[in-house]
């Protein structure tokens, strides 16, 4: 297995493959690096929530279409189901995304390692920006003091 660092640039799946991926299906090998990108990018939590909403759409549509009763009752039941589904999904999202990367052929822990690496890179960049801003402030202060 190749490491997350050496993989090629991500190849996004087409919309139908993405829907199947959101429903839990695996993707072909050419999308392997995209799966890792999907669960390590800065918006990985929103992406996870989006995949969850696709999964929840199936029971919501079935409830609205097949359960007898008023539309308000069916929509209310659906809303409660969506809230509970999202709560459980968000509670177990780290485990779920690790399962996704394992399905793509990465070792378990790769998603967290990728997020940790990206976080460390962001922190280094933020520290450099803070250092540069402090140097500029110091230069302005020295200029005002006539030094």
Protein backbone atom coordinates (compact mmCIF):
# COMPACT_ATOMS: atom_id res chain seq x y z
CA UNK A 1 0.00 0.00 0.00
CA UNK A 2 1.28 3.44 -0.82
CA UNK A 3 1.35 6.13 1.79
CA UNK A 4 -1.09 9.05 1.74
CA UNK A 5 1.75 11.42 0.93
CA UNK A 6 2.84 9.67 -2.28
CA UNK A 7 -0.60 9.17 -3.85
CA UNK A 8 -1.45 10.92 -7.08
CA UNK A 9 -3.73 13.92 -7.24
CA UNK A 10 -7.34 13.11 -6.29
CA UNK A 11 -9.75 12.04 -9.05
CA UNK A 12 -13.29 13.01 -8.07
CA UNK A 13 -15.98 10.39 -8.78
CA UNK A 14 -18.91 11.22 -11.03
CA UNK A 15 -22.22 12.14 -9.33
CA UNK A 16 -23.71 8.63 -9.52
CA UNK A 17 -20.56 7.03 -8.08
CA UNK A 18 -20.50 9.71 -5.37
CA UNK A 19 -24.10 8.92 -4.36
CA UNK A 20 -23.22 5.22 -4.19
CA UNK A 21 -20.09 6.14 -2.18
CA UNK A 22 -22.25 8.23 0.17
CA UNK A 23 -24.53 5.23 0.62
CA UNK A 24 -21.53 3.10 1.64
CA UNK A 25 -20.27 1.55 -1.58
CA UNK A 26 -16.58 1.43 -2.32
CA UNK A 27 -15.02 3.37 -5.18
CA UNK A 28 -12.68 2.10 -7.92
CA UNK A 29 -8.94 2.28 -7.27
CA UNK A 30 -8.52 5.46 -9.38
CA UNK A 31 -10.55 7.35 -6.74
CA UNK A 32 -8.44 6.05 -3.85
CA UNK A 33 -6.61 9.32 -3.21
CA UNK A 34 -9.86 11.28 -3.48
CA UNK A 35 -11.36 9.19 -0.65
CA UNK A 36 -8.43 10.15 1.58
CA UNK A 37 -8.77 13.79 0.50
CA UNK A 38 -12.52 13.65 1.19
CA UNK A 39 -12.01 12.63 4.82
CA UNK A 40 -8.97 14.82 5.58
CA UNK A 41 -9.76 18.14 3.93
CA UNK A 42 -10.73 21.14 6.04
CA UNK A 43 -14.41 20.56 5.32
CA UNK A 44 -14.41 16.86 6.18
CA UNK A 45 -17.08 17.26 8.87
CA UNK A 46 -19.43 19.04 6.44
CA UNK A 47 -18.72 16.39 3.81
CA UNK A 48 -19.54 13.69 6.35
CA UNK A 49 -22.80 15.47 7.21
CA UNK A 50 -23.63 15.68 3.49
CA UNK A 51 -23.05 11.95 3.03
CA UNK A 52 -25.25 11.32 6.07
CA UNK A 53 -28.04 13.44 4.60
CA UNK A 54 -27.89 11.37 1.39
CA UNK A 55 -28.19 8.20 3.49
CA UNK A 56 -31.10 9.65 5.46
CA UNK A 57 -32.91 10.72 2.29
CA UNK A 58 -33.91 7.13 1.56
CA UNK A 59 -35.91 6.50 4.77
CA UNK A 60 -37.30 10.05 4.72
CA UNK A 61 -38.67 9.52 1.21
CA UNK A 62 -40.13 6.17 2.22
CA UNK A 63 -41.78 7.66 5.30
CA UNK A 64 -43.25 10.59 3.38
CA UNK A 65 -44.44 8.36 0.52
CA UNK A 66 -45.68 5.25 2.32
CA UNK A 67 -46.67 5.98 5.92
CA UNK A 68 -50.36 6.76 6.29
CA UNK A 69 -51.34 9.96 8.05
CA UNK A 70 -51.25 13.66 7.49
CA UNK A 71 -48.32 15.22 5.66
CA UNK A 72 -47.42 17.20 8.79
CA UNK A 73 -47.16 14.00 10.82
CA UNK A 74 -45.01 12.30 8.18
CA UNK A 75 -42.72 15.33 7.89
CA UNK A 76 -42.47 15.57 11.68
CA UNK A 77 -41.49 11.90 11.94
CA UNK A 78 -38.95 12.44 9.20
CA UNK A 79 -37.47 15.46 10.96
CA UNK A 80 -37.09 13.51 14.20
CA UNK A 81 -35.41 10.70 12.26
CA UNK A 82 -33.03 13.12 10.55
CA UNK A 83 -32.09 14.75 13.86
CA UNK A 84 -31.42 11.37 15.50
CA UNK A 85 -29.59 10.07 12.43
CA UNK A 86 -27.35 13.13 12.29
CA UNK A 87 -26.64 12.92 16.02
CA UNK A 88 -25.52 9.29 15.78
CA UNK A 89 -23.62 9.92 12.57
CA UNK A 90 -21.70 12.85 14.04
CA UNK A 91 -21.02 10.90 17.23
CA UNK A 92 -19.31 8.13 15.24
CA UNK A 93 -17.89 10.13 12.34
CA UNK A 94 -14.21 9.45 13.05
CA UNK A 95 -14.84 5.69 13.08
CA UNK A 96 -16.96 5.95 9.94
CA UNK A 97 -14.35 7.84 7.94
CA UNK A 98 -11.63 5.42 9.07
CA UNK A 99 -13.81 2.64 7.68
CA UNK A 100 -14.06 4.54 4.39
CA UNK A 101 -10.28 4.90 4.04
CA UNK A 102 -9.81 1.25 4.98
CA UNK A 103 -12.27 0.34 2.22
CA UNK A 104 -10.13 2.41 -0.17
CA UNK A 105 -7.05 0.40 0.81
CA UNK A 106 -5.40 2.65 3.38
CA UNK A 107 -4.45 1.43 6.84
CA UNK A 108 -6.84 2.30 9.67
CA UNK A 109 -5.70 5.59 11.18
CA UNK A 110 -4.75 7.18 7.86
CA UNK A 111 -7.60 9.69 7.95
CA UNK A 112 -6.71 10.92 11.43
CA UNK A 113 -3.01 11.02 10.51
CA UNK A 114 -3.85 13.07 7.42
CA UNK A 115 -5.98 15.50 9.41
CA UNK A 116 -3.23 15.80 12.03
CA UNK A 117 -0.63 16.47 9.33
CA UNK A 118 -2.80 19.14 7.68
CA UNK A 119 -3.47 20.72 11.06
CA UNK A 120 0.27 20.88 11.80
CA UNK A 121 0.90 22.47 8.38
CA UNK A 122 -1.81 25.07 9.03
CA UNK A 123 -0.29 25.83 12.43
CA UNK A 124 3.18 26.34 10.91
CA UNK A 125 1.72 28.73 8.33
CA UNK A 126 -0.21 30.60 11.02
CA UNK A 127 2.95 30.90 13.15
CA UNK A 128 4.85 32.32 10.15
CA UNK A 129 2.07 34.84 9.52
CA UNK A 130 2.08 35.87 13.19
CA UNK A 131 5.87 36.23 13.14
CA UNK A 132 5.76 38.37 9.98
CA UNK A 133 2.97 40.53 11.41
CA UNK A 134 4.95 41.03 14.64
CA UNK A 135 8.04 42.02 12.63
CA UNK A 136 6.01 44.58 10.67
CA UNK A 137 4.54 46.00 13.87
CA UNK A 138 8.01 46.22 15.40
CA UNK A 139 9.34 47.99 12.30
CA UNK A 140 6.46 50.51 12.40
CA UNK A 141 7.11 51.10 16.10
CA UNK A 142 10.83 51.65 15.52
CA UNK A 143 10.05 54.03 12.65
CA UNK A 144 7.72 56.08 14.86
CA UNK A 145 10.36 56.21 17.57
CA UNK A 146 12.92 57.50 15.05
CA UNK A 147 15.29 54.55 15.39
